[in-house]
Amino acid sequence: MSLPLRIHFLLAILFLPAWLSAQTKYDLVIQGGEVIDPRSGIRAVLDVGIRDHKIAAIETAIPVANAIKVISAGGLLVTPGLVDIHTHDYAGTGRRDVYDGDNSVYPDNFTFRSCVTTVADAGSSGWRNFPDFKDRIIDRSKTRVLAFINIVGHGMDGNPAEQNTEDMDPAAAAAMAKQFPDVIVGFKTAHFEGPEWIAVDRAVEAGKLAGLPVMVDFGRFRPERPYQELVTSRLRPGDISTHMYIDFIPMLDANGKVLPYLFGAKKRGVIF
C-alpha cells in the first residue's frame, strides 16, 4: 500500500537537510579572484570555499554544485581581512575636539565596508582611561579592536593634558598592558611640544617593561630633539615612526634623493 501524499511530503522535509548537506560542501564559494595570502605565500587566481563562516578550501576550481551561493570575483583581489594599525576609535565620551571623544569614530561604521577586520587604536586612551575605552568600544565592537595606549595617563585629551609629564608613567602604562595582554599591543606618544625627550623616553621605558613596541607621533619638531636622533638611536627595532610623510621630517637631499640616515634606521628595524 502506498503512503499518503502528505506522508511523502513530511518525509521529504525531514530528510531534505541531510540530502542538501551531502550535496553542498560550502555555504559560499568566491570564484576566480586573485587570492593573496601573505602567511602561506599564495598569490594566484583561485576559488575560496567557505562553510560555517570559516575558510574551508582554497582550490583551482570548486564545482558550483558544491555551493549554496557563488560570487564571481574575477578581476578582484581576495585577501584575509585587512589590518589598519593607526586609527582613533575612542568615540562616544562626549568630549569635544579631542581624540578621546569627538575626533574618534566608531570602528564598525568604517571598517567592514573597506575590507578591514582589525584596527589598532593609536593612543586615544591612556593607562588611566583605557578600561573605559575597553568597555565603551572594544568590548562592543564586531571589529577586532587592539590598542597602543598613550604614555599620558589621560590619553589624547588635548592640551594641557598631553603636555603633562607628571602623567607619563611607564610603570603604570606597563602594568595596564600586562593586565590586558590580548588587547594592548604597544605604547604611543604623540603631540608633545616640549624640547625634552621625556615623552619618547618614558614610552620606550614602558615598552621595555612590558616587552612591547612604541609608536611615535613626534608632535612639534624641535632642534633640541632632532628627528634623526629619534630613529637612529632612541627607537628600538620594531618601534614605529608614524606620520612620517610630513614636511617637517628631513627626508630628501638637494637632489631629491632619500637621506641615508632613513635607510640606516630602517636597517636597524625601525618601522616607518
Protein backbone atom coordinates (compact mmCIF):
# COMPACT_ATOMS: atom_id res chain seq x y z
CA MET A 1 0.00 0.00 0.00
CA SER A 2 1.44 3.35 -0.97
CA LEU A 3 1.94 6.08 1.64
CA PRO A 4 -0.40 9.06 1.57
CA LEU A 5 0.94 12.12 -0.25
CA ARG A 6 1.20 14.16 2.92
CA ILE A 7 3.43 11.43 4.47
CA HIS A 8 5.71 11.55 1.41
CA PHE A 9 5.87 15.33 1.80
CA LEU A 10 6.70 15.07 5.50
CA LEU A 11 9.48 12.56 4.84
CA ALA A 12 10.89 14.82 2.15
CA ILE A 13 11.01 17.76 4.58
CA LEU A 14 12.65 15.62 7.26
CA PHE A 15 15.38 14.27 5.01
CA LEU A 16 15.97 17.41 2.85
CA PRO A 17 18.61 18.99 5.17
CA ALA A 18 20.66 15.77 5.19
CA TRP A 19 20.41 15.48 1.39
CA LEU A 20 21.48 19.11 0.95
CA SER A 21 24.39 18.61 3.34
CA ALA A 22 25.59 15.65 1.30
CA GLN A 23 25.38 17.63 -1.96
CA THR A 24 26.70 21.03 -0.82
CA LYS A 25 30.08 21.31 0.83
CA TYR A 26 30.17 25.08 1.10
CA ASP A 27 27.83 27.87 2.13
CA LEU A 28 29.66 30.22 -0.22
CA VAL A 29 32.25 29.97 -2.97
CA ILE A 30 34.17 33.06 -4.03
CA GLN A 31 35.13 32.21 -7.57
CA GLY A 32 38.01 33.30 -9.77
CA GLY A 33 39.55 36.08 -7.69
CA GLU A 34 43.26 36.75 -7.27
CA VAL A 35 43.85 35.25 -3.84
CA ILE A 36 46.63 36.88 -1.80
CA ASP A 37 47.58 35.22 1.49
CA PRO A 38 50.89 36.54 2.86
CA ARG A 39 51.11 33.91 5.60
CA SER A 40 51.08 30.97 3.20
CA GLY A 41 52.74 32.78 0.31
CA ILE A 42 49.77 32.28 -2.03
CA ARG A 43 49.16 34.69 -4.88
CA ALA A 44 47.12 33.12 -7.68
CA VAL A 45 43.69 33.04 -9.27
CA LEU A 46 41.78 30.55 -7.14
CA ASP A 47 38.39 29.68 -5.70
CA VAL A 48 37.70 30.01 -1.98
CA GLY A 49 35.12 27.78 -0.27
CA ILE A 50 33.50 28.96 2.97
CA ARG A 51 31.49 26.87 5.41
CA ASP A 52 30.20 27.88 8.84
CA HIS A 53 31.88 31.30 8.45
CA LYS A 54 35.33 29.75 8.04
CA ILE A 55 37.65 29.18 5.07
CA ALA A 56 37.18 25.51 4.22
CA ALA A 57 39.06 25.23 0.92
CA ILE A 58 41.29 27.16 -1.47
CA GLU A 59 41.37 25.35 -4.81
CA THR A 60 41.88 25.96 -8.50
CA ALA A 61 38.25 25.23 -9.35
CA ILE A 62 35.49 24.36 -6.88
CA PRO A 63 32.39 22.92 -8.61
CA VAL A 64 29.48 25.34 -8.33
CA ALA A 65 27.21 22.41 -7.49
CA ASN A 66 29.05 22.14 -4.19
CA ALA A 67 27.96 25.61 -3.04
CA ILE A 68 24.73 27.16 -1.85
CA LYS A 69 25.87 30.55 -3.16
CA VAL A 70 28.58 31.54 -5.65
CA ILE A 71 30.09 35.02 -6.02
CA SER A 72 32.25 35.83 -9.03
CA ALA A 73 35.40 37.75 -8.04
CA GLY A 74 37.06 37.85 -11.47
CA GLY A 75 39.43 40.80 -11.72
CA LEU A 76 39.26 41.41 -7.97
CA LEU A 77 41.60 40.71 -5.06
CA VAL A 78 40.58 38.21 -2.37
CA THR A 79 42.57 38.62 0.84
CA PRO A 80 42.31 37.95 4.55
CA GLY A 81 40.71 40.84 6.43
CA LEU A 82 42.93 43.92 6.33
CA VAL A 83 44.55 45.43 9.44
CA ASP A 84 44.63 49.20 9.96
CA ILE A 85 47.38 49.90 12.50
CA HIS A 86 46.62 53.60 13.07
CA THR A 87 43.05 54.52 13.94
CA HIS A 88 41.26 56.56 16.60
CA ASP A 89 38.21 54.78 17.98
CA TYR A 90 37.56 56.15 21.47
CA ALA A 91 34.23 57.69 20.47
CA GLY A 92 31.13 58.42 22.48
CA THR A 93 32.66 60.05 25.55
CA GLY A 94 31.05 63.40 24.82
CA ARG A 95 34.37 65.21 24.95
CA ARG A 96 34.76 67.87 22.25
CA ASP A 97 37.59 68.26 19.70
CA VAL A 98 39.85 65.58 21.23
CA TYR A 99 40.77 62.02 20.29
CA ASP A 100 39.26 60.58 23.45
CA GLY A 101 35.99 61.99 22.17
CA ASP A 102 34.67 63.66 19.03
CA ASN A 103 37.83 63.15 16.95
CA SER A 104 37.43 59.36 17.15
CA VAL A 105 35.00 57.19 15.20
CA TYR A 106 33.05 54.04 15.98
CA PRO A 107 35.09 51.37 14.14
CA ASP A 108 32.17 49.27 12.84
CA ASN A 109 30.90 52.28 10.87
CA PHE A 110 34.04 52.34 8.72
CA THR A 111 35.90 49.02 8.84
CA PHE A 112 34.00 46.28 7.08
CA ARG A 113 32.99 48.38 4.08
CA SER A 114 36.74 48.87 3.49
CA CYS A 115 37.63 45.17 3.98
CA VAL A 116 39.21 45.94 7.37
CA THR A 117 38.52 43.46 10.17
CA THR A 118 41.15 44.53 12.73
CA VAL A 119 42.19 48.02 13.84
CA ALA A 120 44.75 49.29 16.33
CA ASP A 121 43.79 52.45 18.16
CA ALA A 122 46.84 54.72 18.23
CA GLY A 123 46.95 56.16 21.70
CA SER A 124 43.50 57.71 22.06
CA SER A 125 43.30 56.29 25.58
CA GLY A 126 46.00 56.19 28.23
CA TRP A 127 46.65 53.96 31.18
CA ARG A 128 44.07 55.83 33.27
CA ASN A 129 41.09 55.66 30.89
CA PHE A 130 41.83 52.52 28.88
CA PRO A 131 39.31 50.47 30.93
CA ASP A 132 36.56 52.90 29.88
CA PHE A 133 37.69 52.64 26.23
CA LYS A 134 37.61 48.85 26.51
CA ASP A 135 34.11 48.83 27.98
CA ARG A 136 32.72 51.57 25.73
CA ILE A 137 34.20 50.48 22.38
CA ILE A 138 36.39 47.38 22.31
CA ASP A 139 34.00 45.00 24.05
CA ARG A 140 31.01 46.21 21.99
CA SER A 141 32.55 46.20 18.50
CA LYS A 142 32.28 43.50 15.89
CA THR A 143 35.58 44.82 14.54
CA ARG A 144 38.58 43.42 16.38
CA VAL A 145 39.98 46.47 18.19
CA LEU A 146 43.52 46.43 19.57
CA ALA A 147 45.26 49.37 21.23
CA PHE A 148 48.51 51.25 21.60
CA ILE A 149 47.88 53.01 24.91
CA ASN A 150 49.18 56.51 25.47
CA ILE A 151 52.06 57.11 27.83
CA VAL A 152 49.94 60.04 29.07
CA GLY A 153 47.54 58.57 31.58
CA HIS A 154 44.57 60.59 30.31
CA GLY A 155 45.33 59.77 26.67
CA MET A 156 44.74 62.19 23.82
CA ASP A 157 42.75 64.68 25.86
CA GLY A 158 44.18 67.76 24.18
CA ASN A 159 46.29 70.43 25.84
CA PRO A 160 47.44 70.86 28.55
CA ALA A 161 46.78 67.18 29.34
CA GLU A 162 49.08 65.85 26.60
CA GLN A 163 51.96 68.04 27.84
CA ASN A 164 51.71 66.87 31.45
CA THR A 165 54.94 64.98 32.04
CA GLU A 166 53.76 64.06 35.55
CA ASP A 167 51.06 61.93 33.90
CA MET A 168 53.62 59.99 31.81
CA ASP A 169 54.12 56.91 33.97
CA PRO A 170 55.98 53.97 32.36
CA ALA A 171 55.28 51.59 35.24
CA ALA A 172 51.54 52.30 35.26
CA ALA A 173 51.33 52.00 31.49
CA ALA A 174 53.22 48.70 31.50
CA ALA A 175 51.02 47.35 34.30
CA MET A 176 47.89 48.15 32.29
CA ALA A 177 49.38 46.42 29.23
CA LYS A 178 50.15 43.32 31.28
CA GLN A 179 46.58 43.32 32.62
CA PHE A 180 45.16 43.18 29.08
CA PRO A 181 47.79 41.35 27.00
CA ASP A 182 45.31 40.19 24.35
CA VAL A 183 44.24 43.75 23.55
CA ILE A 184 47.09 46.16 24.28
CA VAL A 185 49.80 45.76 21.63
CA GLY A 186 52.08 48.69 22.40
CA PHE A 187 52.50 52.26 23.64
CA LYS A 188 52.07 55.64 21.97
CA THR A 189 53.50 59.09 22.43
CA ALA A 190 52.03 61.94 20.43
CA HIS A 191 51.68 65.70 20.16
CA PHE A 192 54.41 66.52 22.70
CA GLU A 193 55.62 70.09 22.29
CA GLY A 194 58.45 70.44 24.79
CA PRO A 195 62.17 70.42 23.96
CA GLU A 196 62.90 67.36 26.13
CA TRP A 197 62.95 63.68 25.13
CA ILE A 198 60.87 62.78 28.16
CA ALA A 199 57.73 61.66 26.26
CA VAL A 200 59.69 59.37 23.94
CA ASP A 201 61.97 58.05 26.68
CA ARG A 202 59.09 57.19 29.00
CA ALA A 203 57.16 55.48 26.24
CA VAL A 204 60.23 53.41 25.37
CA GLU A 205 60.71 52.61 29.06
CA ALA A 206 57.14 51.32 29.20
CA GLY A 207 57.86 49.28 26.09
CA LYS A 208 60.88 47.70 27.76
CA LEU A 209 58.93 46.91 30.94
CA ALA A 210 56.10 45.23 29.03
CA GLY A 211 58.08 43.82 26.09
CA LEU A 212 56.00 45.78 23.56
CA PRO A 213 56.72 48.24 20.73
CA VAL A 214 56.27 52.00 20.78
CA MET A 215 54.58 54.18 18.18
CA VAL A 216 55.76 57.80 17.98
CA ASP A 217 53.90 60.74 16.50
CA PHE A 218 56.73 63.23 17.03
CA GLY A 219 54.50 66.21 17.78
CA ARG A 220 56.24 69.58 17.48
CA PHE A 221 59.65 69.31 15.84
CA ARG A 222 62.29 70.99 17.98
CA PRO A 223 66.02 71.50 17.23
CA GLU A 224 66.77 70.19 20.74
CA ARG A 225 65.39 66.76 19.79
CA PRO A 226 66.06 66.16 16.09
CA TYR A 227 64.09 63.54 14.22
CA GLN A 228 67.30 61.90 13.03
CA GLU A 229 68.21 61.09 16.63
CA LEU A 230 64.75 59.63 17.25
CA VAL A 231 65.04 56.97 14.55
CA THR A 232 68.78 56.31 14.65
CA SER A 233 69.23 55.90 18.40
CA ARG A 234 66.14 56.48 20.55
CA LEU A 235 63.76 53.98 18.96
CA ARG A 236 64.38 50.23 19.12
CA PRO A 237 63.96 47.60 16.42
CA GLY A 238 60.21 47.10 15.99
CA ASP A 239 59.28 50.59 17.17
CA ILE A 240 57.20 52.71 14.79
CA SER A 241 57.57 56.23 13.43
CA THR A 242 54.09 57.21 12.35
CA HIS A 243 53.00 60.20 10.21
CA MET A 244 56.45 60.15 8.64
CA TYR A 245 55.38 61.66 5.30
CA ILE A 246 55.06 65.22 6.57
CA ASP A 247 57.01 68.32 5.67
CA PHE A 248 58.88 68.56 8.97
CA ILE A 249 60.76 65.28 8.55
CA PRO A 250 64.17 65.69 6.83
CA MET A 251 63.72 63.21 4.02
CA LEU A 252 65.32 64.38 0.76
CA ASP A 253 68.63 65.97 -0.11
CA ALA A 254 69.09 68.85 -2.55
CA ASN A 255 68.93 66.39 -5.45
CA GLY A 256 65.68 64.81 -4.33
CA LYS A 257 67.34 61.63 -3.04
CA VAL A 258 66.31 59.95 0.20
CA LEU A 259 68.73 60.82 3.00
CA PRO A 260 70.95 57.91 4.08
CA TYR A 261 70.01 58.07 7.78
CA LEU A 262 66.49 56.83 6.92
CA PHE A 263 67.88 53.72 5.25
CA GLY A 264 70.12 53.21 8.26
CA ALA A 265 67.15 53.46 10.63
CA LYS A 266 65.15 51.04 8.52
CA LYS A 267 68.06 48.60 8.59
CA ARG A 268 68.10 48.93 12.40
CA GLY A 269 64.50 47.71 12.38
CA VAL A 270 62.58 50.93 12.88
CA ILE A 271 59.20 50.72 11.12
CA PHE A 272 58.06 53.70 9.10
